[in-house]
Amino acid sequence: MGYDTAAKTDAESVVPEEHGGMWFLREELETSSLGFTVLELEAEASGKEHDETETGQEEIYYVVSGSIDVELTDAEETVSLEAEDAIRIDPDESRQIHNRGDERAELVLVGALQ
């Protein structure tokens, strides 16, 4: 078959419901070098600080709705994103997503091996 389909609900969320939800769809879409994730982050919630040095994966975050701040620890910089904004992050850059707004933010996260 030349394609695969998946719904967010095909995967279990790895984030507690009170913080929003995070669904990794790599397995459901049977990708080998591309990660595809849906993240919903409640107001005043934050994601886990991390980098992708070990995996070598660069990431793109696309904001579907709401707004977020992406704290780039190594660069000592915070990038604010609104709906329809995107950011690409190098694998070795430490990052953390914060929803400092008053509404749930929805994002699509895409990661690819360099």
PDB file of N, CA and C in Angstrom:
ATOM      1  N   MET A   1       0.854  -1.177   0.000  1.00  0.00           N
ATOM      2  CA  MET A   1       0.000   0.000   0.000  1.00  0.00           C
ATOM      3  C   MET A   1       0.895   1.234   0.000  1.00  0.00           C
ATOM      4  N   GLY A   2       0.543   2.255  -0.761  1.00  0.00           N
ATOM      5  CA  GLY A   2       1.345   3.456  -0.916  1.00  0.00           C
ATOM      6  C   GLY A   2       1.036   4.559   0.064  1.00  0.00           C
ATOM      7  N   TYR A   3       0.197   4.313   1.055  1.00  0.00           N
ATOM      8  CA  TYR A   3      -0.119   5.358   2.040  1.00  0.00           C
ATOM      9  C   TYR A   3      -0.626   4.728   3.324  1.00  0.00           C
ATOM     10  N   ASP A   4      -0.620   5.516   4.382  1.00  0.00           N
ATOM     11  CA  ASP A   4      -1.185   5.116   5.668  1.00  0.00           C
ATOM     12  C   ASP A   4      -1.980   6.296   6.208  1.00  0.00           C
ATOM     13  N   THR A   5      -3.015   6.020   6.966  1.00  0.00           N
ATOM     14  CA  THR A   5      -3.796   7.070   7.605  1.00  0.00           C
ATOM     15  C   THR A   5      -3.809   6.829   9.111  1.00  0.00           C
ATOM     16  N   ALA A   6      -4.031   7.890   9.845  1.00  0.00           N
ATOM     17  CA  ALA A   6      -4.110   7.784  11.304  1.00  0.00           C
ATOM     18  C   ALA A   6      -4.919   8.958  11.836  1.00  0.00           C
ATOM     19  N   ALA A   7      -5.527   8.744  12.964  1.00  0.00           N
ATOM     20  CA  ALA A   7      -6.218   9.805  13.702  1.00  0.00           C
ATOM     21  C   ALA A   7      -5.486  10.010  15.018  1.00  0.00           C
ATOM     22  N   LYS A   8      -5.583  11.188  15.545  1.00  0.00           N
ATOM     23  CA  LYS A   8      -4.947  11.509  16.827  1.00  0.00           C
ATOM     24  C   LYS A   8      -5.331  10.480  17.885  1.00  0.00           C
ATOM     25  N   THR A   9      -6.557  10.036  17.858  1.00  0.00           N
ATOM     26  CA  THR A   9      -7.054   9.113  18.879  1.00  0.00           C
ATOM     27  C   THR A   9      -6.577   7.676  18.671  1.00  0.00           C
ATOM     28  N   ASP A  10      -5.848   7.404  17.579  1.00  0.00           N
ATOM     29  CA  ASP A  10      -5.295   6.061  17.369  1.00  0.00           C
ATOM     30  C   ASP A  10      -4.155   5.771  18.345  1.00  0.00           C
ATOM     31  N   ALA A  11      -3.524   6.802  18.842  1.00  0.00           N
ATOM     32  CA  ALA A  11      -2.420   6.652  19.793  1.00  0.00           C
ATOM     33  C   ALA A  11      -2.881   7.114  21.170  1.00  0.00           C
ATOM     34  N   GLU A  12      -2.260   6.574  22.207  1.00  0.00           N
ATOM     35  CA  GLU A  12      -2.556   7.038  23.557  1.00  0.00           C
ATOM     36  C   GLU A  12      -1.736   8.282  23.850  1.00  0.00           C
ATOM     37  N   SER A  13      -2.327   9.220  24.554  1.00  0.00           N
ATOM     38  CA  SER A  13      -1.615  10.435  24.921  1.00  0.00           C
ATOM     39  C   SER A  13      -0.536  10.112  25.947  1.00  0.00           C
ATOM     40  N   VAL A  14       0.625  10.760  25.792  1.00  0.00           N
ATOM     41  CA  VAL A  14       1.717  10.585  26.748  1.00  0.00           C
ATOM     42  C   VAL A  14       1.754  11.730  27.764  1.00  0.00           C
ATOM     43  N   VAL A  15       0.791  12.644  27.654  1.00  0.00           N
ATOM     44  CA  VAL A  15       0.684  13.783  28.565  1.00  0.00           C
ATOM     45  C   VAL A  15      -0.655  13.660  29.303  1.00  0.00           C
ATOM     46  N   PRO A  16      -0.670  13.848  30.621  1.00  0.00           N
ATOM     47  CA  PRO A  16      -1.928  13.777  31.367  1.00  0.00           C
ATOM     48  C   PRO A  16      -2.977  14.753  30.806  1.00  0.00           C
ATOM     49  N   GLU A  17      -4.223  14.321  30.814  1.00  0.00           N
ATOM     50  CA  GLU A  17      -5.325  15.099  30.245  1.00  0.00           C
ATOM     51  C   GLU A  17      -5.445  16.493  30.852  1.00  0.00           C
ATOM     52  N   GLU A  18      -5.128  16.637  32.141  1.00  0.00           N
ATOM     53  CA  GLU A  18      -5.255  17.958  32.770  1.00  0.00           C
ATOM     54  C   GLU A  18      -4.253  18.968  32.218  1.00  0.00           C
ATOM     55  N   HIS A  19      -3.206  18.486  31.532  1.00  0.00           N
ATOM     56  CA  HIS A  19      -2.223  19.383  30.911  1.00  0.00           C
ATOM     57  C   HIS A  19      -2.475  19.553  29.417  1.00  0.00           C
ATOM     58  N   GLY A  20      -3.390  18.764  28.870  1.00  0.00           N
ATOM     59  CA  GLY A  20      -3.705  18.810  27.444  1.00  0.00           C
ATOM     60  C   GLY A  20      -3.652  17.420  26.868  1.00  0.00           C
ATOM     61  N   GLY A  21      -2.649  17.135  26.078  1.00  0.00           N
ATOM     62  CA  GLY A  21      -2.460  15.799  25.508  1.00  0.00           C
ATOM     63  C   GLY A  21      -1.364  15.844  24.464  1.00  0.00           C
ATOM     64  N   MET A  22      -0.709  14.697  24.258  1.00  0.00           N
ATOM     65  CA  MET A  22       0.349  14.608  23.253  1.00  0.00           C
ATOM     66  C   MET A  22       0.286  13.224  22.636  1.00  0.00           C
ATOM     67  N   TRP A  23       0.091  13.207  21.328  1.00  0.00           N
ATOM     68  CA  TRP A  23      -0.098  11.969  20.609  1.00  0.00           C
ATOM     69  C   TRP A  23       0.990  11.798  19.552  1.00  0.00           C
ATOM     70  N   PHE A  24       1.852  10.779  19.735  1.00  0.00           N
ATOM     71  CA  PHE A  24       2.892  10.447  18.766  1.00  0.00           C
ATOM     72  C   PHE A  24       2.273   9.528  17.712  1.00  0.00           C
ATOM     73  N   LEU A  25       2.344   9.923  16.456  1.00  0.00           N
ATOM     74  CA  LEU A  25       1.705   9.142  15.392  1.00  0.00           C
ATOM     75  C   LEU A  25       2.696   8.459  14.456  1.00  0.00           C
ATOM     76  N   ARG A  26       3.957   8.397  14.830  1.00  0.00           N
ATOM     77  CA  ARG A  26       4.987   7.765  13.977  1.00  0.00           C
ATOM     78  C   ARG A  26       4.635   6.303  13.698  1.00  0.00           C
ATOM     79  N   GLU A  27       4.333   5.549  14.728  1.00  0.00           N
ATOM     80  CA  GLU A  27       4.018   4.126  14.535  1.00  0.00           C
ATOM     81  C   GLU A  27       2.733   3.943  13.739  1.00  0.00           C
ATOM     82  N   GLU A  28       1.707   4.737  14.071  1.00  0.00           N
ATOM     83  CA  GLU A  28       0.427   4.601  13.379  1.00  0.00           C
ATOM     84  C   GLU A  28       0.553   4.907  11.891  1.00  0.00           C
ATOM     85  N   LEU A  29       1.458   5.838  11.538  1.00  0.00           N
ATOM     86  CA  LEU A  29       1.663   6.202  10.133  1.00  0.00           C
ATOM     87  C   LEU A  29       2.794   5.393   9.481  1.00  0.00           C
ATOM     88  N   GLU A  30       3.434   4.535  10.293  1.00  0.00           N
ATOM     89  CA  GLU A  30       4.501   3.651   9.821  1.00  0.00           C
ATOM     90  C   GLU A  30       5.623   4.412   9.104  1.00  0.00           C
ATOM     91  N   THR A  31       6.088   5.507   9.743  1.00  0.00           N
ATOM     92  CA  THR A  31       7.198   6.268   9.176  1.00  0.00           C
ATOM     93  C   THR A  31       8.515   5.740   9.736  1.00  0.00           C
ATOM     94  N   SER A  32       9.572   5.875   8.962  1.00  0.00           N
ATOM     95  CA  SER A  32      10.867   5.381   9.422  1.00  0.00           C
ATOM     96  C   SER A  32      11.819   6.503   9.830  1.00  0.00           C
ATOM     97  N   SER A  33      11.693   7.680   9.229  1.00  0.00           N
ATOM     98  CA  SER A  33      12.622   8.761   9.560  1.00  0.00           C
ATOM     99  C   SER A  33      11.913  10.090   9.820  1.00  0.00           C
ATOM    100  N   LEU A  34      10.608  10.053   9.964  1.00  0.00           N
ATOM    101  CA  LEU A  34       9.823  11.263  10.181  1.00  0.00           C
ATOM    102  C   LEU A  34       8.892  11.049  11.361  1.00  0.00           C
ATOM    103  N   GLY A  35       8.942  11.969  12.313  1.00  0.00           N
ATOM    104  CA  GLY A  35       8.022  11.922  13.441  1.00  0.00           C
ATOM    105  C   GLY A  35       6.912  12.932  13.238  1.00  0.00           C
ATOM    106  N   PHE A  36       5.701  12.572  13.635  1.00  0.00           N
ATOM    107  CA  PHE A  36       4.547  13.461  13.504  1.00  0.00           C
ATOM    108  C   PHE A  36       3.766  13.365  14.810  1.00  0.00           C
ATOM    109  N   THR A  37       3.616  14.512  15.487  1.00  0.00           N
ATOM    110  CA  THR A  37       2.997  14.542  16.803  1.00  0.00           C
ATOM    111  C   THR A  37       1.983  15.673  16.878  1.00  0.00           C
ATOM    112  N   VAL A  38       0.871  15.415  17.561  1.00  0.00           N
ATOM    113  CA  VAL A  38      -0.112  16.454  17.862  1.00  0.00           C
ATOM    114  C   VAL A  38       0.008  16.752  19.348  1.00  0.00           C
ATOM    115  N   LEU A  39       0.147  18.027  19.677  1.00  0.00           N
ATOM    116  CA  LEU A  39       0.270  18.453  21.066  1.00  0.00           C
ATOM    117  C   LEU A  39      -0.816  19.469  21.374  1.00  0.00           C
ATOM    118  N   GLU A  40      -1.544  19.227  22.454  1.00  0.00           N
ATOM    119  CA  GLU A  40      -2.488  20.202  22.993  1.00  0.00           C
ATOM    120  C   GLU A  40      -1.986  20.548  24.385  1.00  0.00           C
ATOM    121  N   LEU A  41      -1.782  21.834  24.611  1.00  0.00           N
ATOM    122  CA  LEU A  41      -1.207  22.291  25.874  1.00  0.00           C
ATOM    123  C   LEU A  41      -2.169  23.280  26.521  1.00  0.00           C
ATOM    124  N   GLU A  42      -2.639  22.912  27.705  1.00  0.00           N
ATOM    125  CA  GLU A  42      -3.576  23.775  28.427  1.00  0.00           C
ATOM    126  C   GLU A  42      -2.909  25.089  28.820  1.00  0.00           C
ATOM    127  N   ALA A  43      -3.729  26.092  29.097  1.00  0.00           N
ATOM    128  CA  ALA A  43      -3.232  27.379  29.569  1.00  0.00           C
ATOM    129  C   ALA A  43      -2.383  27.166  30.816  1.00  0.00           C
ATOM    130  N   GLU A  44      -1.280  27.887  30.880  1.00  0.00           N
ATOM    131  CA  GLU A  44      -0.343  27.858  32.007  1.00  0.00           C
ATOM    132  C   GLU A  44       0.386  26.522  32.156  1.00  0.00           C
ATOM    133  N   ALA A  45       0.353  25.668  31.143  1.00  0.00           N
ATOM    134  CA  ALA A  45       1.079  24.396  31.188  1.00  0.00           C
ATOM    135  C   ALA A  45       2.374  24.517  30.385  1.00  0.00           C
ATOM    136  N   SER A  46       3.317  23.642  30.679  1.00  0.00           N
ATOM    137  CA  SER A  46       4.601  23.626  29.980  1.00  0.00           C
ATOM    138  C   SER A  46       4.945  22.211  29.558  1.00  0.00           C
ATOM    139  N   GLY A  47       5.684  22.115  28.473  1.00  0.00           N
ATOM    140  CA  GLY A  47       6.208  20.829  28.034  1.00  0.00           C
ATOM    141  C   GLY A  47       7.513  20.535  28.746  1.00  0.00           C
ATOM    142  N   LYS A  48       8.062  19.383  28.446  1.00  0.00           N
ATOM    143  CA  LYS A  48       9.314  18.941  29.058  1.00  0.00           C
ATOM    144  C   LYS A  48      10.499  19.589  28.347  1.00  0.00           C
ATOM    145  N   GLU A  49      11.450  20.096  29.120  1.00  0.00           N
ATOM    146  CA  GLU A  49      12.672  20.616  28.509  1.00  0.00           C
ATOM    147  C   GLU A  49      13.469  19.434  27.971  1.00  0.00           C
ATOM    148  N   HIS A  50      13.944  19.562  26.733  1.00  0.00           N
ATOM    149  CA  HIS A  50      14.703  18.474  26.123  1.00  0.00           C
ATOM    150  C   HIS A  50      15.479  18.966  24.914  1.00  0.00           C
ATOM    151  N   ASP A  51      16.376  18.120  24.441  1.00  0.00           N
ATOM    152  CA  ASP A  51      17.017  18.324  23.143  1.00  0.00           C
ATOM    153  C   ASP A  51      16.959  16.993  22.402  1.00  0.00           C
ATOM    154  N   GLU A  52      17.379  16.987  21.165  1.00  0.00           N
ATOM    155  CA  GLU A  52      17.350  15.772  20.349  1.00  0.00           C
ATOM    156  C   GLU A  52      18.758  15.391  19.904  1.00  0.00           C
ATOM    157  N   THR A  53      19.756  15.720  20.732  1.00  0.00           N
ATOM    158  CA  THR A  53      21.148  15.431  20.399  1.00  0.00           C
ATOM    159  C   THR A  53      21.356  13.944  20.116  1.00  0.00           C
ATOM    160  N   GLU A  54      20.807  13.083  20.958  1.00  0.00           N
ATOM    161  CA  GLU A  54      21.003  11.639  20.788  1.00  0.00           C
ATOM    162  C   GLU A  54      20.363  11.110  19.515  1.00  0.00           C
ATOM    163  N   THR A  55      19.192  11.627  19.153  1.00  0.00           N
ATOM    164  CA  THR A  55      18.493  11.122  17.963  1.00  0.00           C
ATOM    165  C   THR A  55      18.963  11.810  16.689  1.00  0.00           C
ATOM    166  N   GLY A  56      19.532  13.024  16.819  1.00  0.00           N
ATOM    167  CA  GLY A  56      19.930  13.785  15.637  1.00  0.00           C
ATOM    168  C   GLY A  56      18.746  14.340  14.873  1.00  0.00           C
ATOM    169  N   GLN A  57      17.620  14.445  15.532  1.00  0.00           N
ATOM    170  CA  GLN A  57      16.374  14.868  14.881  1.00  0.00           C
ATOM    171  C   GLN A  57      16.168  16.375  14.998  1.00  0.00           C
ATOM    172  N   GLU A  58      16.015  17.056  13.857  1.00  0.00           N
ATOM    173  CA  GLU A  58      15.595  18.455  13.910  1.00  0.00           C
ATOM    174  C   GLU A  58      14.075  18.460  14.001  1.00  0.00           C
ATOM    175  N   GLU A  59      13.522  19.520  14.586  1.00  0.00           N
ATOM    176  CA  GLU A  59      12.077  19.574  14.787  1.00  0.00           C
ATOM    177  C   GLU A  59      11.493  20.880  14.262  1.00  0.00           C
ATOM    178  N   ILE A  60      10.250  20.785  13.821  1.00  0.00           N
ATOM    179  CA  ILE A  60       9.460  21.954  13.449  1.00  0.00           C
ATOM    180  C   ILE A  60       8.211  21.933  14.310  1.00  0.00           C
ATOM    181  N   TYR A  61       7.904  23.080  14.920  1.00  0.00           N
ATOM    182  CA  TYR A  61       6.670  23.240  15.685  1.00  0.00           C
ATOM    183  C   TYR A  61       5.794  24.217  14.909  1.00  0.00           C
ATOM    184  N   TYR A  62       4.573  23.800  14.614  1.00  0.00           N
ATOM    185  CA  TYR A  62       3.601  24.653  13.916  1.00  0.00           C
ATOM    186  C   TYR A  62       2.411  24.853  14.839  1.00  0.00           C
ATOM    187  N   VAL A  63       2.074  26.103  15.129  1.00  0.00           N
ATOM    188  CA  VAL A  63       0.968  26.418  16.028  1.00  0.00           C
ATOM    189  C   VAL A  63      -0.329  26.473  15.219  1.00  0.00           C
ATOM    190  N   VAL A  64      -1.241  25.572  15.529  1.00  0.00           N
ATOM    191  CA  VAL A  64      -2.545  25.524  14.859  1.00  0.00           C
ATOM    192  C   VAL A  64      -3.482  26.547  15.486  1.00  0.00           C
ATOM    193  N   SER A  65      -3.513  26.575  16.821  1.00  0.00           N
ATOM    194  CA  SER A  65      -4.354  27.556  17.516  1.00  0.00           C
ATOM    195  C   SER A  65      -3.715  27.910  18.849  1.00  0.00           C
ATOM    196  N   GLY A  66      -4.054  29.100  19.334  1.00  0.00           N
ATOM    197  CA  GLY A  66      -3.487  29.581  20.585  1.00  0.00           C
ATOM    198  C   GLY A  66      -2.133  30.229  20.355  1.00  0.00           C
ATOM    199  N   SER A  67      -1.361  30.330  21.415  1.00  0.00           N
ATOM    200  CA  SER A  67      -0.017  30.907  21.323  1.00  0.00           C
ATOM    201  C   SER A  67       0.874  30.199  22.332  1.00  0.00           C
ATOM    202  N   ILE A  68       2.164  30.160  22.023  1.00  0.00           N
ATOM    203  CA  ILE A  68       3.131  29.504  22.900  1.00  0.00           C
ATOM    204  C   ILE A  68       4.422  30.312  22.940  1.00  0.00           C
ATOM    205  N   ASP A  69       5.222  30.042  23.943  1.00  0.00           N
ATOM    206  CA  ASP A  69       6.594  30.525  24.008  1.00  0.00           C
ATOM    207  C   ASP A  69       7.498  29.300  23.945  1.00  0.00           C
ATOM    208  N   VAL A  70       8.514  29.371  23.109  1.00  0.00           N
ATOM    209  CA  VAL A  70       9.511  28.307  23.037  1.00  0.00           C
ATOM    210  C   VAL A  70      10.785  28.863  23.653  1.00  0.00           C
ATOM    211  N   GLU A  71      11.133  28.320  24.804  1.00  0.00           N
ATOM    212  CA  GLU A  71      12.342  28.741  25.507  1.00  0.00           C
ATOM    213  C   GLU A  71      13.516  27.939  24.946  1.00  0.00           C
ATOM    214  N   LEU A  72      14.468  28.641  24.354  1.00  0.00           N
ATOM    215  CA  LEU A  72      15.669  28.019  23.805  1.00  0.00           C
ATOM    216  C   LEU A  72      16.779  28.219  24.823  1.00  0.00           C
ATOM    217  N   THR A  73      16.972  27.227  25.657  1.00  0.00           N
ATOM    218  CA  THR A  73      17.848  27.332  26.819  1.00  0.00           C
ATOM    219  C   THR A  73      19.275  27.687  26.438  1.00  0.00           C
ATOM    220  N   ASP A  74      19.836  26.968  25.454  1.00  0.00           N
ATOM    221  CA  ASP A  74      21.235  27.196  25.078  1.00  0.00           C
ATOM    222  C   ASP A  74      21.436  28.587  24.489  1.00  0.00           C
ATOM    223  N   ALA A  75      20.467  29.055  23.727  1.00  0.00           N
ATOM    224  CA  ALA A  75      20.567  30.373  23.100  1.00  0.00           C
ATOM    225  C   ALA A  75      20.172  31.485  24.074  1.00  0.00           C
ATOM    226  N   GLU A  76      19.654  31.096  25.247  1.00  0.00           N
ATOM    227  CA  GLU A  76      19.154  32.066  26.224  1.00  0.00           C
ATOM    228  C   GLU A  76      18.183  33.029  25.563  1.00  0.00           C
ATOM    229  N   GLU A  77      17.221  32.454  24.851  1.00  0.00           N
ATOM    230  CA  GLU A  77      16.250  33.238  24.090  1.00  0.00           C
ATOM    231  C   GLU A  77      14.889  32.563  24.175  1.00  0.00           C
ATOM    232  N   THR A  78      13.838  33.356  24.124  1.00  0.00           N
ATOM    233  CA  THR A  78      12.476  32.842  24.068  1.00  0.00           C
ATOM    234  C   THR A  78      11.824  33.369  22.803  1.00  0.00           C
ATOM    235  N   VAL A  79      11.229  32.453  22.033  1.00  0.00           N
ATOM    236  CA  VAL A  79      10.550  32.811  20.791  1.00  0.00           C
ATOM    237  C   VAL A  79       9.057  32.639  21.023  1.00  0.00           C
ATOM    238  N   SER A  80       8.284  33.696  20.785  1.00  0.00           N
ATOM    239  CA  SER A  80       6.831  33.647  20.934  1.00  0.00           C
ATOM    240  C   SER A  80       6.196  33.349  19.587  1.00  0.00           C
ATOM    241  N   LEU A  81       5.260  32.393  19.581  1.00  0.00           N
ATOM    242  CA  LEU A  81       4.581  31.996  18.360  1.00  0.00           C
ATOM    243  C   LEU A  81       3.076  32.084  18.544  1.00  0.00           C
ATOM    244  N   GLU A  82       2.417  32.561  17.518  1.00  0.00           N
ATOM    245  CA  GLU A  82       0.955  32.643  17.476  1.00  0.00           C
ATOM    246  C   GLU A  82       0.442  31.600  16.476  1.00  0.00           C
ATOM    247  N   ALA A  83      -0.866  31.472  16.367  1.00  0.00           N
ATOM    248  CA  ALA A  83      -1.468  30.570  15.384  1.00  0.00           C
ATOM    249  C   ALA A  83      -0.906  30.870  14.000  1.00  0.00           C
ATOM    250  N   GLU A  84      -0.585  29.810  13.279  1.00  0.00           N
ATOM    251  CA  GLU A  84      -0.038  29.824  11.919  1.00  0.00           C
ATOM    252  C   GLU A  84       1.448  30.170  11.860  1.00  0.00           C
ATOM    253  N   ASP A  85       2.128  30.285  13.013  1.00  0.00           N
ATOM    254  CA  ASP A  85       3.573  30.485  13.045  1.00  0.00           C
ATOM    255  C   ASP A  85       4.265  29.136  13.212  1.00  0.00           C
ATOM    256  N   ALA A  86       5.511  29.066  12.751  1.00  0.00           N
ATOM    257  CA  ALA A  86       6.305  27.848  12.890  1.00  0.00           C
ATOM    258  C   ALA A  86       7.732  28.199  13.282  1.00  0.00           C
ATOM    259  N   ILE A  87       8.413  27.233  13.880  1.00  0.00           N
ATOM    260  CA  ILE A  87       9.831  27.372  14.216  1.00  0.00           C
ATOM    261  C   ILE A  87      10.508  26.033  13.926  1.00  0.00           C
ATOM    262  N   ARG A  88      11.736  26.077  13.389  1.00  0.00           N
ATOM    263  CA  ARG A  88      12.566  24.887  13.204  1.00  0.00           C
ATOM    264  C   ARG A  88      13.696  24.955  14.219  1.00  0.00           C
ATOM    265  N   ILE A  89      13.981  23.826  14.875  1.00  0.00           N
ATOM    266  CA  ILE A  89      14.973  23.799  15.940  1.00  0.00           C
ATOM    267  C   ILE A  89      16.012  22.717  15.650  1.00  0.00           C
ATOM    268  N   ASP A  90      17.291  23.088  15.753  1.00  0.00           N
ATOM    269  CA  ASP A  90      18.389  22.140  15.583  1.00  0.00           C
ATOM    270  C   ASP A  90      18.316  21.062  16.663  1.00  0.00           C
ATOM    271  N   PRO A  91      18.843  19.866  16.364  1.00  0.00           N
ATOM    272  CA  PRO A  91      18.797  18.768  17.342  1.00  0.00           C
ATOM    273  C   PRO A  91      19.456  19.088  18.680  1.00  0.00           C
ATOM    274  N   ASP A  92      20.570  19.812  18.659  1.00  0.00           N
ATOM    275  CA  ASP A  92      21.315  20.030  19.896  1.00  0.00           C
ATOM    276  C   ASP A  92      20.857  21.242  20.700  1.00  0.00           C
ATOM    277  N   GLU A  93      19.846  21.949  20.231  1.00  0.00           N
ATOM    278  CA  GLU A  93      19.318  23.107  20.968  1.00  0.00           C
ATOM    279  C   GLU A  93      18.303  22.621  22.008  1.00  0.00           C
ATOM    280  N   SER A  94      18.563  22.920  23.269  1.00  0.00           N
ATOM    281  CA  SER A  94      17.624  22.562  24.329  1.00  0.00           C
ATOM    282  C   SER A  94      16.416  23.485  24.240  1.00  0.00           C
ATOM    283  N   ARG A  95      15.214  22.884  24.349  1.00  0.00           N
ATOM    284  CA  ARG A  95      13.989  23.669  24.189  1.00  0.00           C
ATOM    285  C   ARG A  95      12.910  23.226  25.163  1.00  0.00           C
ATOM    286  N   GLN A  96      12.004  24.167  25.456  1.00  0.00           N
ATOM    287  CA  GLN A  96      10.842  23.884  26.296  1.00  0.00           C
ATOM    288  C   GLN A  96       9.698  24.763  25.828  1.00  0.00           C
ATOM    289  N   ILE A  97       8.530  24.157  25.672  1.00  0.00           N
ATOM    290  CA  ILE A  97       7.328  24.874  25.225  1.00  0.00           C
ATOM    291  C   ILE A  97       6.519  25.292  26.441  1.00  0.00           C
ATOM    292  N   HIS A  98       6.054  26.542  26.432  1.00  0.00           N
ATOM    293  CA  HIS A  98       5.201  27.060  27.504  1.00  0.00           C
ATOM    294  C   HIS A  98       3.946  27.672  26.875  1.00  0.00           C
ATOM    295  N   ASN A  99       2.800  27.375  27.459  1.00  0.00           N
ATOM    296  CA  ASN A  99       1.577  28.068  27.085  1.00  0.00           C
ATOM    297  C   ASN A  99       1.276  29.038  28.211  1.00  0.00           C
ATOM    298  N   ARG A 100       1.633  30.282  28.009  1.00  0.00           N
ATOM    299  CA  ARG A 100       1.416  31.295  29.038  1.00  0.00           C
ATOM    300  C   ARG A 100       0.122  32.065  28.796  1.00  0.00           C
ATOM    301  N   GLY A 101      -0.634  31.634  27.789  1.00  0.00           N
ATOM    302  CA  GLY A 101      -1.902  32.277  27.457  1.00  0.00           C
ATOM    303  C   GLY A 101      -3.028  31.766  28.333  1.00  0.00           C
ATOM    304  N   ASP A 102      -4.243  32.180  28.000  1.00  0.00           N
ATOM    305  CA  ASP A 102      -5.403  31.777  28.794  1.00  0.00           C
ATOM    306  C   ASP A 102      -6.306  30.792  28.054  1.00  0.00           C
ATOM    307  N   GLU A 103      -5.814  30.238  26.936  1.00  0.00           N
ATOM    308  CA  GLU A 103      -6.584  29.227  26.209  1.00  0.00           C
ATOM    309  C   GLU A 103      -5.654  28.090  25.805  1.00  0.00           C
ATOM    310  N   ARG A 104      -6.249  26.943  25.543  1.00  0.00           N
ATOM    311  CA  ARG A 104      -5.481  25.773  25.104  1.00  0.00           C
ATOM    312  C   ARG A 104      -4.796  26.070  23.778  1.00  0.00           C
ATOM    313  N   ALA A 105      -3.554  25.636  23.647  1.00  0.00           N
ATOM    314  CA  ALA A 105      -2.806  25.767  22.387  1.00  0.00           C
ATOM    315  C   ALA A 105      -2.751  24.396  21.721  1.00  0.00           C
ATOM    316  N   GLU A 106      -2.885  24.379  20.409  1.00  0.00           N
ATOM    317  CA  GLU A 106      -2.762  23.139  19.649  1.00  0.00           C
ATOM    318  C   GLU A 106      -1.629  23.290  18.653  1.00  0.00           C
ATOM    319  N   LEU A 107      -0.741  22.299  18.627  1.00  0.00           N
ATOM    320  CA  LEU A 107       0.432  22.338  17.762  1.00  0.00           C
ATOM    321  C   LEU A 107       0.577  21.032  16.999  1.00  0.00           C
ATOM    322  N   VAL A 108       1.251  21.138  15.864  1.00  0.00           N
ATOM    323  CA  VAL A 108       1.725  19.969  15.145  1.00  0.00           C
ATOM    324  C   VAL A 108       3.245  20.012  15.231  1.00  0.00           C
ATOM    325  N   LEU A 109       3.839  18.920  15.683  1.00  0.00           N
ATOM    326  CA  LEU A 109       5.282  18.814  15.826  1.00  0.00           C
ATOM    327  C   LEU A 109       5.780  17.800  14.814  1.00  0.00           C
ATOM    328  N   VAL A 110       6.753  18.191  14.026  1.00  0.00           N
ATOM    329  CA  VAL A 110       7.323  17.305  13.011  1.00  0.00           C
ATOM    330  C   VAL A 110       8.809  17.190  13.276  1.00  0.00           C
ATOM    331  N   GLY A 111       9.300  15.973  13.317  1.00  0.00           N
ATOM    332  CA  GLY A 111      10.723  15.759  13.518  1.00  0.00           C
ATOM    333  C   GLY A 111      11.275  14.881  12.408  1.00  0.00           C
ATOM    334  N   ALA A 112      12.474  15.197  11.939  1.00  0.00           N
ATOM    335  CA  ALA A 112      13.103  14.415  10.887  1.00  0.00           C
ATOM    336  C   ALA A 112      14.574  14.229  11.204  1.00  0.00           C
ATOM    337  N   LEU A 113      15.086  13.067  10.875  1.00  0.00           N
ATOM    338  CA  LEU A 113      16.497  12.805  11.062  1.00  0.00           C
ATOM    339  C   LEU A 113      17.289  13.569  10.020  1.00  0.00           C
ATOM    340  N   GLN A 114      18.391  14.188  10.440  1.00  0.00           N
ATOM    341  CA  GLN A 114      19.218  14.953   9.520  1.00  0.00           C
ATOM    342  C   GLN A 114      20.120  14.035   8.745  1.00  0.00           C
TER     343      GLN A 114
END
